[in-house]
N, C-alpha and C. Protein backbone atom coordinates (compact mmCIF):
# COMPACT_ATOMS: atom_id res chain seq x y z
N MET A 1 -65.72 19.48 -46.52
CA MET A 1 -65.70 19.15 -45.11
C MET A 1 -64.26 19.10 -44.61
N SER A 2 -64.06 19.62 -43.43
CA SER A 2 -62.72 19.55 -42.85
C SER A 2 -62.63 18.38 -41.89
N HIS A 3 -61.49 17.78 -41.83
CA HIS A 3 -61.27 16.65 -40.95
C HIS A 3 -60.32 17.04 -39.84
N ALA A 4 -60.39 16.32 -38.73
CA ALA A 4 -59.47 16.58 -37.63
C ALA A 4 -58.05 16.22 -38.07
N PRO A 5 -57.06 16.98 -37.63
CA PRO A 5 -55.68 16.66 -38.01
C PRO A 5 -55.24 15.32 -37.44
N HIS A 6 -54.40 14.66 -38.17
CA HIS A 6 -53.91 13.35 -37.77
C HIS A 6 -52.80 13.54 -36.75
N THR A 7 -53.06 13.24 -35.47
CA THR A 7 -52.07 13.51 -34.42
C THR A 7 -51.42 12.24 -33.88
N GLU A 8 -51.77 11.09 -34.42
CA GLU A 8 -51.18 9.84 -33.93
C GLU A 8 -49.71 9.79 -34.34
N GLN A 9 -48.84 9.46 -33.36
CA GLN A 9 -47.42 9.42 -33.63
C GLN A 9 -46.96 7.98 -33.80
N PRO A 10 -45.85 7.79 -34.48
CA PRO A 10 -45.31 6.43 -34.61
C PRO A 10 -44.99 5.85 -33.23
N SER A 11 -45.05 4.54 -33.13
CA SER A 11 -44.88 3.89 -31.83
C SER A 11 -43.50 4.11 -31.24
N GLY A 12 -42.48 4.35 -32.05
CA GLY A 12 -41.13 4.53 -31.55
C GLY A 12 -40.84 5.93 -31.03
N GLU A 13 -41.66 6.90 -31.42
CA GLU A 13 -41.40 8.29 -31.05
C GLU A 13 -42.20 8.66 -29.80
N ILE A 14 -41.52 9.25 -28.80
CA ILE A 14 -42.17 9.65 -27.56
C ILE A 14 -42.15 11.17 -27.47
N ASP A 15 -43.31 11.76 -27.24
CA ASP A 15 -43.42 13.21 -27.09
C ASP A 15 -42.94 13.60 -25.70
N PRO A 16 -41.95 14.51 -25.58
CA PRO A 16 -41.44 14.87 -24.25
C PRO A 16 -42.49 15.52 -23.37
N VAL A 17 -43.41 16.28 -23.96
CA VAL A 17 -44.46 16.92 -23.16
C VAL A 17 -45.39 15.86 -22.57
N GLU A 18 -45.75 14.88 -23.37
CA GLU A 18 -46.62 13.81 -22.89
C GLU A 18 -45.95 12.99 -21.80
N ALA A 19 -44.63 12.90 -21.80
CA ALA A 19 -43.92 12.16 -20.78
C ALA A 19 -43.89 12.92 -19.45
N ILE A 20 -43.91 14.26 -19.49
CA ILE A 20 -43.80 15.07 -18.28
C ILE A 20 -45.16 15.29 -17.62
N VAL A 21 -46.23 15.31 -18.38
CA VAL A 21 -47.55 15.67 -17.86
C VAL A 21 -47.97 14.85 -16.63
N PRO A 22 -47.76 13.53 -16.56
CA PRO A 22 -48.19 12.80 -15.36
C PRO A 22 -47.39 13.17 -14.10
N VAL A 23 -46.23 13.77 -14.26
CA VAL A 23 -45.36 14.09 -13.12
C VAL A 23 -45.66 15.48 -12.55
N ILE A 24 -46.37 16.32 -13.30
CA ILE A 24 -46.59 17.71 -12.91
C ILE A 24 -47.24 17.84 -11.52
N PRO A 25 -48.24 17.04 -11.14
CA PRO A 25 -48.81 17.21 -9.79
C PRO A 25 -47.81 16.99 -8.67
N TRP A 26 -46.74 16.25 -8.91
CA TRP A 26 -45.69 16.07 -7.90
C TRP A 26 -44.60 17.13 -8.05
N LEU A 27 -44.30 17.49 -9.27
CA LEU A 27 -43.18 18.39 -9.54
C LEU A 27 -43.44 19.81 -9.06
N LEU A 28 -44.63 20.35 -9.31
CA LEU A 28 -44.91 21.73 -8.95
C LEU A 28 -44.85 21.98 -7.45
N PRO A 29 -45.50 21.17 -6.60
CA PRO A 29 -45.39 21.42 -5.15
C PRO A 29 -43.97 21.24 -4.63
N LEU A 30 -43.24 20.26 -5.16
CA LEU A 30 -41.85 20.08 -4.71
C LEU A 30 -40.99 21.27 -5.11
N ALA A 31 -41.16 21.74 -6.32
CA ALA A 31 -40.40 22.91 -6.76
C ALA A 31 -40.77 24.14 -5.94
N GLY A 32 -42.04 24.29 -5.62
CA GLY A 32 -42.47 25.42 -4.79
C GLY A 32 -41.89 25.33 -3.39
N GLY A 33 -41.86 24.13 -2.81
CA GLY A 33 -41.29 23.95 -1.47
C GLY A 33 -39.81 24.26 -1.45
N VAL A 34 -39.09 23.82 -2.47
CA VAL A 34 -37.66 24.10 -2.54
C VAL A 34 -37.43 25.60 -2.70
N LEU A 35 -38.24 26.26 -3.52
CA LEU A 35 -38.10 27.70 -3.72
C LEU A 35 -38.37 28.47 -2.43
N ILE A 36 -39.42 28.09 -1.71
CA ILE A 36 -39.74 28.75 -0.44
C ILE A 36 -38.61 28.54 0.57
N PHE A 37 -38.08 27.32 0.66
CA PHE A 37 -36.97 27.04 1.56
C PHE A 37 -35.75 27.88 1.20
N LEU A 38 -35.47 27.98 -0.08
CA LEU A 38 -34.32 28.77 -0.54
C LEU A 38 -34.49 30.24 -0.20
N LEU A 39 -35.67 30.78 -0.43
CA LEU A 39 -35.92 32.19 -0.11
C LEU A 39 -35.85 32.44 1.39
N ALA A 40 -36.37 31.52 2.20
CA ALA A 40 -36.30 31.67 3.65
C ALA A 40 -34.84 31.59 4.12
N PHE A 41 -34.06 30.70 3.55
CA PHE A 41 -32.66 30.59 3.90
C PHE A 41 -31.91 31.87 3.58
N ILE A 42 -32.19 32.45 2.43
CA ILE A 42 -31.54 33.71 2.04
C ILE A 42 -31.96 34.82 2.99
N ALA A 43 -33.24 34.87 3.35
CA ALA A 43 -33.72 35.93 4.25
C ALA A 43 -33.07 35.81 5.63
N VAL A 44 -32.93 34.61 6.15
CA VAL A 44 -32.30 34.41 7.46
C VAL A 44 -30.81 34.73 7.38
N PHE A 45 -30.18 34.34 6.30
CA PHE A 45 -28.74 34.57 6.14
C PHE A 45 -28.44 36.06 6.03
N MET A 46 -29.32 36.81 5.36
CA MET A 46 -29.09 38.24 5.18
C MET A 46 -29.44 39.05 6.43
N ALA A 47 -30.26 38.53 7.31
CA ALA A 47 -30.70 39.28 8.50
C ALA A 47 -29.63 39.37 9.56
């Protein structure tokens, strides 16, 4: 029989991916808004 891998980490160690996951719903729209603003600024500046 195969068992599930042991994924529990020691209490002192923090996984960087697990720390970022709760912020993603805020980070992606903000990054998209900044990117759109930057592209619009470049388009106006070049015109």
